[in-house]
Amino acid sequence: MKMEAGFSLIELVVVIAIISILASLSIPIYIKYQNKAKVTSYALPVVKACAYDAAGACQELNLNATTPIDISTLKNCQNTTVPNGNLQINISGSVNCDSNGYVSNGTITGKLNSITDYTAKCYLNNKGVLCTVE
């Protein structure tokens, strides 16, 4: 007589339990990754455009030292909705110009209304722009 080789019920239950534990650990990490990707794809380009508009406004307007720019008046600094319509990007921040027409300091932030973990930020100082997702 030949015995058929196979898995016992206990072995199958242990494998299912291990897979369940791994899935429960990886799903929250995937959701965080997905949220950061949404902020990077949708909010960061809008915030970058706003930052470059603010830097350009300093050059064009040649404002006095430490004169703040009202970023809400700039074309690319308006609150907007992404093309699929379910994510709202909210822009806020302040930017100051120096006497030479360069950005002296400022920060512009963009948040998606449904994602609280990550924010797109652009730091403007020393005649440069640094944008990141935090």
C-alpha atoms as a PDB file:
ATOM      1  CA  MET A   1       0.000   0.000   0.000  1.00  0.00           C
ATOM      2  CA  LYS A   2       1.122   3.495  -0.876  1.00  0.00           C
ATOM      3  CA  MET A   3       0.483   6.402   1.461  1.00  0.00           C
ATOM      4  CA  GLU A   4      -0.507   9.596  -0.198  1.00  0.00           C
ATOM      5  CA  ALA A   5       1.685  12.523   0.764  1.00  0.00           C
ATOM      6  CA  GLY A   6      -0.106  15.729   1.671  1.00  0.00           C
ATOM      7  CA  PHE A   7      -0.454  18.476   4.199  1.00  0.00           C
ATOM      8  CA  SER A   8      -2.318  18.026   7.428  1.00  0.00           C
ATOM      9  CA  LEU A   9      -5.032  20.426   8.492  1.00  0.00           C
ATOM     10  CA  ILE A  10      -2.802  21.913  11.200  1.00  0.00           C
ATOM     11  CA  GLU A  11      -0.038  22.680   8.699  1.00  0.00           C
ATOM     12  CA  LEU A  12      -2.498  24.450   6.416  1.00  0.00           C
ATOM     13  CA  VAL A  13      -3.907  26.502   9.307  1.00  0.00           C
ATOM     14  CA  VAL A  14      -0.384  27.550  10.349  1.00  0.00           C
ATOM     15  CA  VAL A  15       0.431  28.679   6.784  1.00  0.00           C
ATOM     16  CA  ILE A  16      -2.813  30.667   6.571  1.00  0.00           C
ATOM     17  CA  ALA A  17      -2.074  32.290   9.946  1.00  0.00           C
ATOM     18  CA  ILE A  18       1.428  33.321   8.802  1.00  0.00           C
ATOM     19  CA  ILE A  19       0.065  34.804   5.576  1.00  0.00           C
ATOM     20  CA  SER A  20      -2.602  36.702   7.542  1.00  0.00           C
ATOM     21  CA  ILE A  21      -0.007  38.176   9.899  1.00  0.00           C
ATOM     22  CA  LEU A  22       2.204  39.280   7.013  1.00  0.00           C
ATOM     23  CA  ALA A  23      -0.760  40.874   5.238  1.00  0.00           C
ATOM     24  CA  SER A  24      -1.853  42.730   8.377  1.00  0.00           C
ATOM     25  CA  LEU A  25       1.658  44.177   8.684  1.00  0.00           C
ATOM     26  CA  SER A  26       2.081  45.158   5.051  1.00  0.00           C
ATOM     27  CA  ILE A  27      -1.303  46.763   4.267  1.00  0.00           C
ATOM     28  CA  PRO A  28      -0.801  49.871   6.496  1.00  0.00           C
ATOM     29  CA  ILE A  29       2.675  50.377   5.025  1.00  0.00           C
ATOM     30  CA  TYR A  30       1.217  50.173   1.520  1.00  0.00           C
ATOM     31  CA  ILE A  31      -1.479  52.727   2.373  1.00  0.00           C
ATOM     32  CA  LYS A  32       1.151  55.181   3.695  1.00  0.00           C
ATOM     33  CA  TYR A  33       3.213  54.661   0.533  1.00  0.00           C
ATOM     34  CA  GLN A  34       0.117  55.277  -1.592  1.00  0.00           C
ATOM     35  CA  ASN A  35      -0.710  58.514   0.296  1.00  0.00           C
ATOM     36  CA  LYS A  36       2.839  59.839  -0.101  1.00  0.00           C
ATOM     37  CA  ALA A  37       2.714  59.034  -3.815  1.00  0.00           C
ATOM     38  CA  LYS A  38      -0.556  61.003  -4.159  1.00  0.00           C
ATOM     39  CA  VAL A  39       0.953  64.048  -2.441  1.00  0.00           C
ATOM     40  CA  THR A  40       4.077  63.759  -4.604  1.00  0.00           C
ATOM     41  CA  SER A  41       2.065  63.401  -7.815  1.00  0.00           C
ATOM     42  CA  TYR A  42      -0.675  65.953  -7.220  1.00  0.00           C
ATOM     43  CA  ALA A  43       0.310  68.536  -4.591  1.00  0.00           C
ATOM     44  CA  LEU A  44       4.082  68.868  -5.077  1.00  0.00           C
ATOM     45  CA  PRO A  45       3.958  70.105  -8.712  1.00  0.00           C
ATOM     46  CA  VAL A  46       1.356  72.741  -7.771  1.00  0.00           C
ATOM     47  CA  VAL A  47       3.412  73.909  -4.793  1.00  0.00           C
ATOM     48  CA  LYS A  48       6.576  74.053  -6.949  1.00  0.00           C
ATOM     49  CA  ALA A  49       4.786  76.168  -9.552  1.00  0.00           C
ATOM     50  CA  CYS A  50       3.599  78.493  -6.800  1.00  0.00           C
ATOM     51  CA  ALA A  51       7.132  78.788  -5.390  1.00  0.00           C
ATOM     52  CA  TYR A  52       8.571  79.650  -8.800  1.00  0.00           C
ATOM     53  CA  ASP A  53       5.780  82.187  -9.329  1.00  0.00           C
ATOM     54  CA  ALA A  54       6.671  83.817  -6.004  1.00  0.00           C
ATOM     55  CA  ALA A  55      10.364  83.932  -6.918  1.00  0.00           C
ATOM     56  CA  GLY A  56       9.450  85.444 -10.278  1.00  0.00           C
ATOM     57  CA  ALA A  57       7.231  88.017  -8.588  1.00  0.00           C
ATOM     58  CA  CYS A  58      10.186  89.174  -6.503  1.00  0.00           C
ATOM     59  CA  GLN A  59      12.178  89.678  -9.720  1.00  0.00           C
ATOM     60  CA  GLU A  60       9.361  91.448 -11.556  1.00  0.00           C
ATOM     61  CA  LEU A  61       8.125  93.676  -8.779  1.00  0.00           C
ATOM     62  CA  ASN A  62      11.583  94.517  -7.327  1.00  0.00           C
ATOM     63  CA  LEU A  63       9.973  95.050  -3.962  1.00  0.00           C
ATOM     64  CA  ASN A  64      11.550  96.694  -0.925  1.00  0.00           C
ATOM     65  CA  ALA A  65      13.495  94.625   1.599  1.00  0.00           C
ATOM     66  CA  THR A  66      11.394  92.101   3.526  1.00  0.00           C
ATOM     67  CA  THR A  67       8.234  93.031   1.649  1.00  0.00           C
ATOM     68  CA  PRO A  68       5.836  90.089   1.840  1.00  0.00           C
ATOM     69  CA  ILE A  69       4.144  88.790  -1.289  1.00  0.00           C
ATOM     70  CA  ASP A  70       0.478  87.881  -1.115  1.00  0.00           C
ATOM     71  CA  ILE A  71       0.733  84.447  -2.727  1.00  0.00           C
ATOM     72  CA  SER A  72      -3.036  84.177  -3.097  1.00  0.00           C
ATOM     73  CA  THR A  73      -2.794  86.726  -5.929  1.00  0.00           C
ATOM     74  CA  LEU A  74      -0.330  84.636  -7.947  1.00  0.00           C
ATOM     75  CA  LYS A  75      -1.655  82.549 -10.838  1.00  0.00           C
ATOM     76  CA  ASN A  76      -0.218  79.177  -9.778  1.00  0.00           C
ATOM     77  CA  CYS A  77      -0.923  79.655  -6.062  1.00  0.00           C
ATOM     78  CA  GLN A  78      -4.652  79.115  -6.176  1.00  0.00           C
ATOM     79  CA  ASN A  79      -6.351  76.276  -4.342  1.00  0.00           C
ATOM     80  CA  THR A  80      -7.234  73.651  -6.909  1.00  0.00           C
ATOM     81  CA  THR A  81      -8.862  70.281  -7.434  1.00  0.00           C
ATOM     82  CA  VAL A  82      -6.997  67.451  -9.149  1.00  0.00           C
ATOM     83  CA  PRO A  83      -8.392  66.147 -12.445  1.00  0.00           C
ATOM     84  CA  ASN A  84     -10.259  63.176 -10.979  1.00  0.00           C
ATOM     85  CA  GLY A  85     -12.111  65.628  -8.747  1.00  0.00           C
ATOM     86  CA  ASN A  86     -11.855  64.016  -5.331  1.00  0.00           C
ATOM     87  CA  LEU A  87      -8.657  65.631  -3.995  1.00  0.00           C
ATOM     88  CA  GLN A  88      -8.498  69.324  -3.069  1.00  0.00           C
ATOM     89  CA  ILE A  89      -5.077  71.002  -2.873  1.00  0.00           C
ATOM     90  CA  ASN A  90      -4.892  73.855  -0.333  1.00  0.00           C
ATOM     91  CA  ILE A  91      -1.989  76.318  -0.714  1.00  0.00           C
ATOM     92  CA  SER A  92      -0.724  78.479   2.150  1.00  0.00           C
ATOM     93  CA  GLY A  93       2.444  80.275   3.193  1.00  0.00           C
ATOM     94  CA  SER A  94       4.332  83.540   2.976  1.00  0.00           C
ATOM     95  CA  VAL A  95       7.279  84.801   0.963  1.00  0.00           C
ATOM     96  CA  ASN A  96       9.496  87.862   1.489  1.00  0.00           C
ATOM     97  CA  CYS A  97      11.688  89.603  -1.095  1.00  0.00           C
ATOM     98  CA  ASP A  98      15.004  91.334  -0.441  1.00  0.00           C
ATOM     99  CA  SER A  99      16.088  94.724  -1.798  1.00  0.00           C
ATOM    100  CA  ASN A 100      17.783  93.102  -4.835  1.00  0.00           C
ATOM    101  CA  GLY A 101      14.618  91.420  -6.057  1.00  0.00           C
ATOM    102  CA  TYR A 102      15.445  87.945  -4.753  1.00  0.00           C
ATOM    103  CA  VAL A 103      13.473  85.784  -2.380  1.00  0.00           C
ATOM    104  CA  SER A 104      14.873  86.320   1.102  1.00  0.00           C
ATOM    105  CA  ASN A 105      12.791  83.694   2.892  1.00  0.00           C
ATOM    106  CA  GLY A 106       9.484  81.928   2.779  1.00  0.00           C
ATOM    107  CA  THR A 107       7.654  78.645   2.919  1.00  0.00           C
ATOM    108  CA  ILE A 108       4.787  77.460   0.750  1.00  0.00           C
ATOM    109  CA  THR A 109       2.818  74.377   1.707  1.00  0.00           C
ATOM    110  CA  GLY A 110       0.240  72.302  -0.100  1.00  0.00           C
ATOM    111  CA  LYS A 111      -2.045  69.748   1.512  1.00  0.00           C
ATOM    112  CA  LEU A 112      -4.486  67.300   0.050  1.00  0.00           C
ATOM    113  CA  ASN A 113      -7.724  67.468   1.975  1.00  0.00           C
ATOM    114  CA  SER A 114      -8.014  63.696   2.430  1.00  0.00           C
ATOM    115  CA  ILE A 115      -4.376  62.993   3.416  1.00  0.00           C
ATOM    116  CA  THR A 116      -3.107  64.213   6.769  1.00  0.00           C
ATOM    117  CA  ASP A 117       0.156  62.244   6.996  1.00  0.00           C
ATOM    118  CA  TYR A 118       2.080  64.128   4.298  1.00  0.00           C
ATOM    119  CA  THR A 119       2.457  67.739   3.155  1.00  0.00           C
ATOM    120  CA  ALA A 120       4.207  69.179   0.100  1.00  0.00           C
ATOM    121  CA  LYS A 121       6.505  72.051   1.107  1.00  0.00           C
ATOM    122  CA  CYS A 122       8.769  74.436  -0.738  1.00  0.00           C
ATOM    123  CA  TYR A 123      11.350  76.444   1.168  1.00  0.00           C
ATOM    124  CA  LEU A 124      12.516  79.652  -0.490  1.00  0.00           C
ATOM    125  CA  ASN A 125      15.737  81.225   0.760  1.00  0.00           C
ATOM    126  CA  ASN A 126      19.231  82.208  -0.307  1.00  0.00           C
ATOM    127  CA  LYS A 127      18.014  82.767  -3.867  1.00  0.00           C
ATOM    128  CA  GLY A 128      16.921  79.131  -4.187  1.00  0.00           C
ATOM    129  CA  VAL A 129      13.912  76.838  -3.957  1.00  0.00           C
ATOM    130  CA  LEU A 130      13.913  73.460  -2.178  1.00  0.00           C
ATOM    131  CA  CYS A 131      10.753  71.371  -2.445  1.00  0.00           C
ATOM    132  CA  THR A 132      10.004  68.174  -0.554  1.00  0.00           C
ATOM    133  CA  VAL A 133       7.224  65.967   0.796  1.00  0.00           C
ATOM    134  CA  GLU A 134       7.190  65.722   4.574  1.00  0.00           C
END
